[in-house]
Amino acid sequence: MSVKIAVDAMGGDNSPAAEVAGAIAACREWACQVILVGDTAQIQAELDKHQTQGLGLEIHHASEVVGMHDSPSDALRKKKDSSIRVAFNLAQQGIASAVVSAGNSGAIMASGMFVLGRVKGIERPAIGTFLPNLNDQTLVLDMGANVDCKASHLYQFAIMGSLYVEHLLGKSRPRVGLLSNGEEEKKGNDLTRETHQLLKESQINYLGYVEGGDVYNGSVDVVVCDGFVGNVLLKVSEGLAVAIGTMLKQEIGSRFWARLGYLFSRPAFTAFKKRINPAEYGGAPLLGISGVGVVCHGSSDSVAISIAIRQAGEYANIRFEEKLATLL
């Protein structure tokens, strides 16, 4: 992987430890090159806990941190030397090819748009997240960047999602669905019905309305919704994964034969846990900006950060924004 990734080392709940450990893992496993952006003293203190000789790691100082409760506008106006802003500045200057952050998602979106701009023709960038399905994974967008949307926004989300899955996963004509409360055309609301008509006339492989269960059954590759619905879907999915794991532990621990059976089924349970673990899906691409940004969950651990760094490199290599600009 020849591209260099700027990682906001200060934004997450577990920073800078998770970001530093994740960057080290990415450099070792995928030969990534990483610039850790943030307070030099704190980052170096974490690096000193690891063996880092020969790894493609650098530190770039940033004196400010955007908190989770800071508004995006305040982050832009009042914290111009924040680790998020500085990371995007490095991308704008061509020093880095992509940005990864587990910080304030609104500030990441605002900084990405302000520093790098939008792809011409895109009104609103969107956050796309991969969720596991019965076959592989489904890209859902928007996952929270835009809670109030117009039909034209959802139409553009569908175009971006289809293009991203096609070039990142190598799927020819990805199947795209519009999330609604039923598959019949009479279902939905004014927003989904207007979007439905636009997508029926598009050149993408649009299958029509899909329901919540279709996100996980593998019947579609891309699911489109507004950011309010998408964020609720994401939080429910994460909560359900945790609840299922807890319930299984409770049931196994309360029965002797269940504990005995678990000894023989442990590999299957381990694989299942890995499959539904949000960390295994890394971060969410910020689609529609004129560059590469990957948004991680605030509580991301080192595994999620390392996978997000790899994703950012893959995203940068496909030159998505150039392909999108020629399509619109």
Protein backbone atom coordinates (compact mmCIF):
# COMPACT_ATOMS: atom_id res chain seq x y z
CA MET A 1 0.00 0.00 0.00
CA SER A 2 1.85 3.09 -1.26
CA VAL A 3 -0.51 5.79 0.00
CA LYS A 4 0.05 7.67 3.26
CA ILE A 5 -2.83 7.93 5.75
CA ALA A 6 -3.28 10.82 8.21
CA VAL A 7 -4.83 9.48 11.42
CA ASP A 8 -6.46 11.83 13.91
CA ALA A 9 -4.85 10.38 17.04
CA MET A 10 -6.80 12.49 19.54
CA GLY A 11 -10.48 12.27 18.64
CA GLY A 12 -11.69 8.89 19.91
CA ASP A 13 -12.83 7.75 23.34
CA ASN A 14 -9.67 5.64 23.68
CA SER A 15 -7.20 8.07 22.14
CA PRO A 16 -4.34 8.15 21.59
CA ALA A 17 -3.74 4.55 22.71
CA ALA A 18 -6.19 2.94 20.27
CA GLU A 19 -5.06 5.07 17.34
CA VAL A 20 -1.38 4.42 17.98
CA ALA A 21 -1.83 0.67 18.44
CA GLY A 22 -4.10 0.52 15.38
CA ALA A 23 -1.60 2.43 13.26
CA ILE A 24 1.21 0.10 14.34
CA ALA A 25 -0.91 -2.95 13.48
CA ALA A 26 -1.79 -1.50 10.06
CA CYS A 27 1.85 -0.76 9.29
CA ARG A 28 2.91 -4.27 10.28
CA GLU A 29 0.09 -6.19 8.60
CA TRP A 30 -0.49 -4.18 5.42
CA ALA A 31 2.72 -2.14 5.09
CA CYS A 32 0.78 1.11 5.49
CA GLN A 33 2.37 4.50 5.93
CA VAL A 34 0.72 6.55 8.68
CA ILE A 35 0.97 10.11 9.98
CA LEU A 36 -0.33 10.30 13.56
CA VAL A 37 -1.81 13.78 14.04
CA GLY A 38 -2.20 15.31 17.50
CA ASP A 39 -0.27 16.16 20.63
CA THR A 40 3.28 15.02 19.98
CA ALA A 41 4.13 14.27 23.63
CA GLN A 42 1.06 12.08 24.18
CA ILE A 43 1.51 10.22 20.90
CA GLN A 44 5.21 9.61 21.50
CA ALA A 45 4.48 8.32 25.00
CA GLU A 46 2.19 5.69 23.48
CA LEU A 47 4.64 4.84 20.71
CA ASP A 48 7.33 4.24 23.34
CA LYS A 49 5.25 1.33 24.66
CA HIS A 50 5.69 -0.55 21.38
CA GLN A 51 8.43 -1.75 19.07
CA THR A 52 8.13 0.56 16.05
CA GLN A 53 11.50 0.35 14.33
CA GLY A 54 11.21 0.07 10.57
CA LEU A 55 7.53 0.99 10.49
CA GLY A 56 6.20 3.78 8.29
CA LEU A 57 5.08 6.01 11.16
CA GLU A 58 5.35 9.78 11.54
CA ILE A 59 3.97 12.33 14.00
CA HIS A 60 2.51 15.69 12.99
CA HIS A 61 1.70 18.02 15.86
CA ALA A 62 -1.73 19.56 16.38
CA SER A 63 -2.35 21.66 19.47
CA GLU A 64 -6.15 21.38 19.75
CA VAL A 65 -8.75 18.62 20.09
CA VAL A 66 -12.40 18.69 19.00
CA GLY A 67 -14.60 17.25 21.73
CA MET A 68 -17.63 15.07 21.08
CA HIS A 69 -19.89 17.89 22.33
CA ASP A 70 -18.32 20.64 20.20
CA SER A 71 -20.51 21.86 17.38
CA PRO A 72 -19.12 21.41 13.85
CA SER A 73 -19.25 25.16 13.26
CA ASP A 74 -17.31 25.90 16.46
CA ALA A 75 -14.77 23.25 15.51
CA LEU A 76 -14.17 25.00 12.20
CA ARG A 77 -14.10 28.57 13.51
CA LYS A 78 -12.46 28.20 16.91
CA LYS A 79 -10.19 25.17 16.61
CA LYS A 80 -8.24 25.66 13.41
CA ASP A 81 -5.29 23.66 14.77
CA SER A 82 -7.39 20.67 15.84
CA SER A 83 -6.16 17.19 15.02
CA ILE A 84 -9.15 16.68 12.68
CA ARG A 85 -8.57 19.91 10.78
CA VAL A 86 -4.80 19.41 10.55
CA ALA A 87 -5.27 15.87 9.22
CA PHE A 88 -7.47 17.17 6.42
CA ASN A 89 -5.00 19.97 5.75
CA LEU A 90 -2.32 17.30 5.17
CA ALA A 91 -4.63 15.63 2.65
CA GLN A 92 -5.36 18.95 0.93
CA GLN A 93 -1.63 19.64 0.66
CA GLY A 94 -0.99 16.23 -0.88
CA ILE A 95 1.13 15.09 2.07
CA ALA A 96 -1.46 12.43 2.93
CA SER A 97 -3.81 10.57 0.60
CA ALA A 98 -6.58 9.94 3.14
CA VAL A 99 -7.82 10.81 6.62
CA VAL A 100 -9.05 8.48 9.38
CA SER A 101 -10.72 9.79 12.53
CA ALA A 102 -12.75 8.40 15.43
CA GLY A 103 -13.62 11.91 16.53
CA ASN A 104 -16.72 14.08 16.36
CA SER A 105 -18.46 12.91 13.17
CA GLY A 106 -20.09 16.28 12.52
CA ALA A 107 -16.71 17.98 12.78
CA ILE A 108 -15.15 15.37 10.49
CA MET A 109 -17.85 16.01 7.89
CA ALA A 110 -17.58 19.80 8.22
CA SER A 111 -13.78 19.77 8.09
CA GLY A 112 -13.72 17.43 5.11
CA MET A 113 -16.16 19.61 3.18
CA PHE A 114 -14.46 22.88 4.15
CA VAL A 115 -10.88 21.80 3.49
CA LEU A 116 -11.31 19.40 0.56
CA GLY A 117 -14.64 20.55 -0.86
CA ARG A 118 -17.33 18.42 -2.49
CA VAL A 119 -17.29 16.51 -5.75
CA LYS A 120 -19.00 18.70 -8.36
CA GLY A 121 -22.67 17.74 -8.58
CA ILE A 122 -22.90 16.34 -5.05
CA GLU A 123 -25.12 18.41 -2.77
CA ARG A 124 -24.51 16.46 0.45
CA PRO A 125 -21.72 13.99 1.23
CA ALA A 126 -22.89 10.83 3.00
CA ILE A 127 -21.45 8.38 5.52
CA GLY A 128 -21.61 4.79 4.29
CA THR A 129 -21.27 1.80 6.61
CA PHE A 130 -20.92 -1.89 5.79
CA LEU A 131 -23.15 -4.22 7.79
CA PRO A 132 -22.89 -8.03 7.68
CA ASN A 133 -25.41 -10.03 5.66
CA LEU A 134 -25.89 -13.75 5.01
CA ASN A 135 -23.53 -13.66 2.01
CA ASP A 136 -20.97 -10.94 2.76
CA GLN A 137 -21.86 -7.31 3.54
CA THR A 138 -24.32 -4.55 2.69
CA LEU A 139 -23.39 -0.87 2.31
CA VAL A 140 -25.93 1.40 4.03
CA LEU A 141 -25.93 5.17 3.52
CA ASP A 142 -26.47 7.73 4.90
CA MET A 143 -25.57 6.70 8.45
CA GLY A 144 -25.95 10.04 10.19
CA ALA A 145 -24.37 12.89 8.26
CA ASN A 146 -27.69 14.24 6.95
CA VAL A 147 -30.78 13.82 9.12
CA ASP A 148 -32.99 15.99 6.90
CA CYS A 149 -32.80 15.04 3.23
CA LYS A 150 -34.37 15.84 -0.12
CA ALA A 151 -35.08 13.26 -2.80
CA SER A 152 -32.11 14.56 -4.80
CA HIS A 153 -29.83 13.80 -1.86
CA LEU A 154 -31.02 10.19 -1.58
CA TYR A 155 -30.69 9.83 -5.34
CA GLN A 156 -27.05 10.95 -5.11
CA PHE A 157 -26.45 8.61 -2.16
CA ALA A 158 -27.62 5.72 -4.34
CA ILE A 159 -25.27 6.72 -7.16
CA MET A 160 -22.32 7.02 -4.77
CA GLY A 161 -23.12 3.77 -2.97
CA SER A 162 -23.42 1.81 -6.20
CA LEU A 163 -20.15 3.20 -7.55
CA TYR A 164 -18.30 2.56 -4.28
CA VAL A 165 -19.38 -1.09 -4.01
CA GLU A 166 -18.64 -1.68 -7.69
CA HIS A 167 -15.05 -0.47 -7.48
CA LEU A 168 -14.16 -1.41 -3.91
CA LEU A 169 -15.73 -4.89 -3.84
CA GLY A 170 -15.58 -5.57 -7.57
CA LYS A 171 -19.32 -6.19 -7.93
CA SER A 172 -20.69 -5.49 -11.38
CA ARG A 173 -23.96 -3.52 -11.27
CA PRO A 174 -24.55 -3.69 -7.50
CA ARG A 175 -28.16 -4.17 -6.42
CA VAL A 176 -29.54 -1.01 -4.84
CA GLY A 177 -32.62 -0.73 -2.64
CA LEU A 178 -34.42 2.20 -1.00
CA LEU A 179 -35.27 1.55 2.66
CA SER A 180 -38.99 1.83 3.36
CA ASN A 181 -41.75 0.35 5.51
CA GLY A 182 -42.79 -2.13 2.83
CA GLU A 183 -41.87 -3.29 -0.64
CA GLU A 184 -45.10 -2.12 -2.32
CA GLU A 185 -44.92 1.14 -4.29
CA LYS A 186 -47.78 2.64 -2.27
CA LYS A 187 -45.72 2.37 0.92
CA GLY A 188 -43.21 4.90 2.21
CA ASN A 189 -43.57 8.66 2.68
CA ASP A 190 -43.30 11.68 0.41
CA LEU A 191 -39.50 11.55 0.51
CA THR A 192 -39.17 7.87 -0.39
CA ARG A 193 -41.88 8.03 -3.08
CA GLU A 194 -40.20 10.98 -4.80
CA THR A 195 -36.79 9.30 -4.53
CA HIS A 196 -38.26 6.05 -5.84
CA GLN A 197 -39.36 7.76 -9.05
CA LEU A 198 -35.93 9.33 -9.56
CA LEU A 199 -34.13 6.02 -9.03
CA LYS A 200 -36.43 4.13 -11.40
CA GLU A 201 -35.24 6.46 -14.16
CA SER A 202 -31.55 6.15 -13.25
CA GLN A 203 -28.92 3.90 -14.87
CA ILE A 204 -28.04 2.03 -11.69
CA ASN A 205 -29.36 -1.44 -10.84
CA TYR A 206 -32.24 -0.22 -8.68
CA LEU A 207 -34.51 -2.96 -7.29
CA GLY A 208 -37.08 -0.72 -5.59
CA TYR A 209 -38.18 -0.51 -1.97
CA VAL A 210 -36.58 -2.83 0.57
CA GLU A 211 -37.41 -3.49 4.22
CA GLY A 212 -35.16 -3.57 7.26
CA GLY A 213 -34.63 -7.33 7.02
CA ASP A 214 -33.20 -6.96 3.52
CA VAL A 215 -30.16 -5.20 5.00
CA TYR A 216 -29.08 -8.56 6.43
CA ASN A 217 -30.44 -11.25 4.08
CA GLY A 218 -28.09 -10.52 1.19
CA SER A 219 -30.79 -9.58 -1.32
CA VAL A 220 -29.22 -6.16 -2.01
CA ASP A 221 -25.70 -4.72 -2.00
CA VAL A 222 -26.59 -1.09 -1.21
CA VAL A 223 -29.39 0.27 0.98
CA VAL A 224 -30.24 3.99 0.81
CA CYS A 225 -31.94 6.05 3.52
CA ASP A 226 -31.68 9.44 5.20
CA GLY A 227 -29.18 9.94 7.99
CA PHE A 228 -31.79 9.91 10.75
CA VAL A 229 -33.10 6.47 9.80
CA GLY A 230 -29.61 5.20 9.00
CA ASN A 231 -28.17 6.19 12.36
CA VAL A 232 -31.07 4.55 14.21
CA LEU A 233 -30.53 1.40 12.12
CA LEU A 234 -26.82 1.40 12.97
CA LYS A 235 -27.35 1.85 16.72
CA VAL A 236 -30.05 -0.86 16.78
CA SER A 237 -27.73 -3.23 14.90
CA GLU A 238 -24.85 -2.59 17.30
CA GLY A 239 -27.12 -3.00 20.32
CA LEU A 240 -28.63 -6.21 18.97
CA ALA A 241 -25.20 -7.72 18.35
CA VAL A 242 -24.21 -7.02 21.96
CA ALA A 243 -27.54 -8.32 23.29
CA ILE A 244 -27.29 -11.57 21.31
CA GLY A 245 -23.79 -12.18 22.61
CA THR A 246 -24.87 -11.53 26.20
CA MET A 247 -27.93 -13.77 25.89
CA LEU A 248 -25.83 -16.61 24.51
CA LYS A 249 -23.38 -16.32 27.41
CA GLN A 250 -26.25 -16.35 29.90
CA GLU A 251 -27.88 -19.42 28.38
CA ILE A 252 -24.61 -21.34 28.05
CA GLY A 253 -23.51 -20.48 31.57
CA SER A 254 -26.78 -21.59 33.15
CA ARG A 255 -26.84 -25.16 31.79
CA PHE A 256 -24.27 -27.94 32.17
CA TRP A 257 -25.02 -29.57 28.79
CA ALA A 258 -24.91 -26.18 27.10
CA ARG A 259 -21.44 -25.56 28.57
CA LEU A 260 -20.32 -28.99 27.40
CA GLY A 261 -21.72 -28.35 23.92
CA TYR A 262 -19.97 -24.99 23.81
CA LEU A 263 -16.59 -26.73 24.10
CA PHE A 264 -17.27 -28.49 20.79
CA SER A 265 -18.90 -25.44 19.17
CA ARG A 266 -16.35 -22.86 20.28
CA PRO A 267 -14.84 -22.34 16.78
CA ALA A 268 -18.32 -21.59 15.38
CA PHE A 269 -19.08 -19.14 18.20
CA THR A 270 -15.71 -17.45 17.70
CA ALA A 271 -16.36 -17.05 13.97
CA PHE A 272 -19.87 -15.75 14.66
CA LYS A 273 -18.58 -13.17 17.14
CA LYS A 274 -16.00 -11.98 14.62
CA ARG A 275 -18.64 -11.76 11.89
CA ILE A 276 -20.98 -9.49 13.87
CA ASN A 277 -18.28 -7.48 15.64
CA PRO A 278 -18.52 -3.83 14.44
CA ALA A 279 -14.75 -3.46 14.87
CA GLU A 280 -14.21 -5.94 12.03
CA TYR A 281 -15.86 -3.48 9.61
CA GLY A 282 -13.47 -0.67 10.50
CA GLY A 283 -14.76 2.78 9.60
CA ALA A 284 -17.32 4.41 7.36
CA PRO A 285 -16.26 6.21 4.17
CA LEU A 286 -17.29 9.83 3.78
CA LEU A 287 -18.58 9.71 0.22
CA GLY A 288 -18.92 12.85 -1.87
CA ILE A 289 -16.00 14.97 -0.64
CA SER A 290 -13.11 15.72 -2.99
CA GLY A 291 -10.76 13.38 -1.22
CA VAL A 292 -10.79 10.45 1.15
CA GLY A 293 -12.14 10.47 4.68
CA VAL A 294 -13.05 7.50 6.88
CA VAL A 295 -15.15 8.01 10.01
CA CYS A 296 -14.73 5.55 12.89
CA HIS A 297 -16.98 4.98 15.88
CA GLY A 298 -15.88 7.04 18.89
CA SER A 299 -15.29 3.89 20.93
CA SER A 300 -13.22 2.20 18.23
CA ASP A 301 -10.47 -0.07 19.50
CA SER A 302 -7.11 -0.71 17.86
CA VAL A 303 -8.58 -3.44 15.62
CA ALA A 304 -11.21 -1.09 14.20
CA ILE A 305 -8.63 1.67 13.69
CA SER A 306 -6.21 -0.64 11.86
CA ILE A 307 -8.95 -1.92 9.55
CA ALA A 308 -10.12 1.66 8.91
CA ILE A 309 -6.57 2.62 7.90
CA ARG A 310 -6.49 -0.28 5.44
CA GLN A 311 -9.91 0.77 4.11
CA ALA A 312 -8.74 4.35 3.66
CA GLY A 313 -5.79 3.14 1.60
CA GLU A 314 -8.03 0.97 -0.57
CA TYR A 315 -10.48 3.86 -0.96
CA ALA A 316 -7.67 6.21 -2.02
CA ASN A 317 -6.33 3.71 -4.54
CA ILE A 318 -9.62 3.40 -6.44
CA ARG A 319 -9.71 7.23 -6.92
CA PHE A 320 -13.43 7.23 -6.20
CA GLU A 321 -14.00 10.96 -6.38
CA GLU A 322 -12.61 11.11 -9.93
CA LYS A 323 -14.89 8.28 -11.07
CA LEU A 324 -17.87 9.94 -9.38
CA ALA A 325 -17.19 13.31 -11.01
CA THR A 326 -17.21 11.75 -14.49
CA LEU A 327 -20.47 9.90 -13.74
CA LEU A 328 -22.52 12.89 -12.58
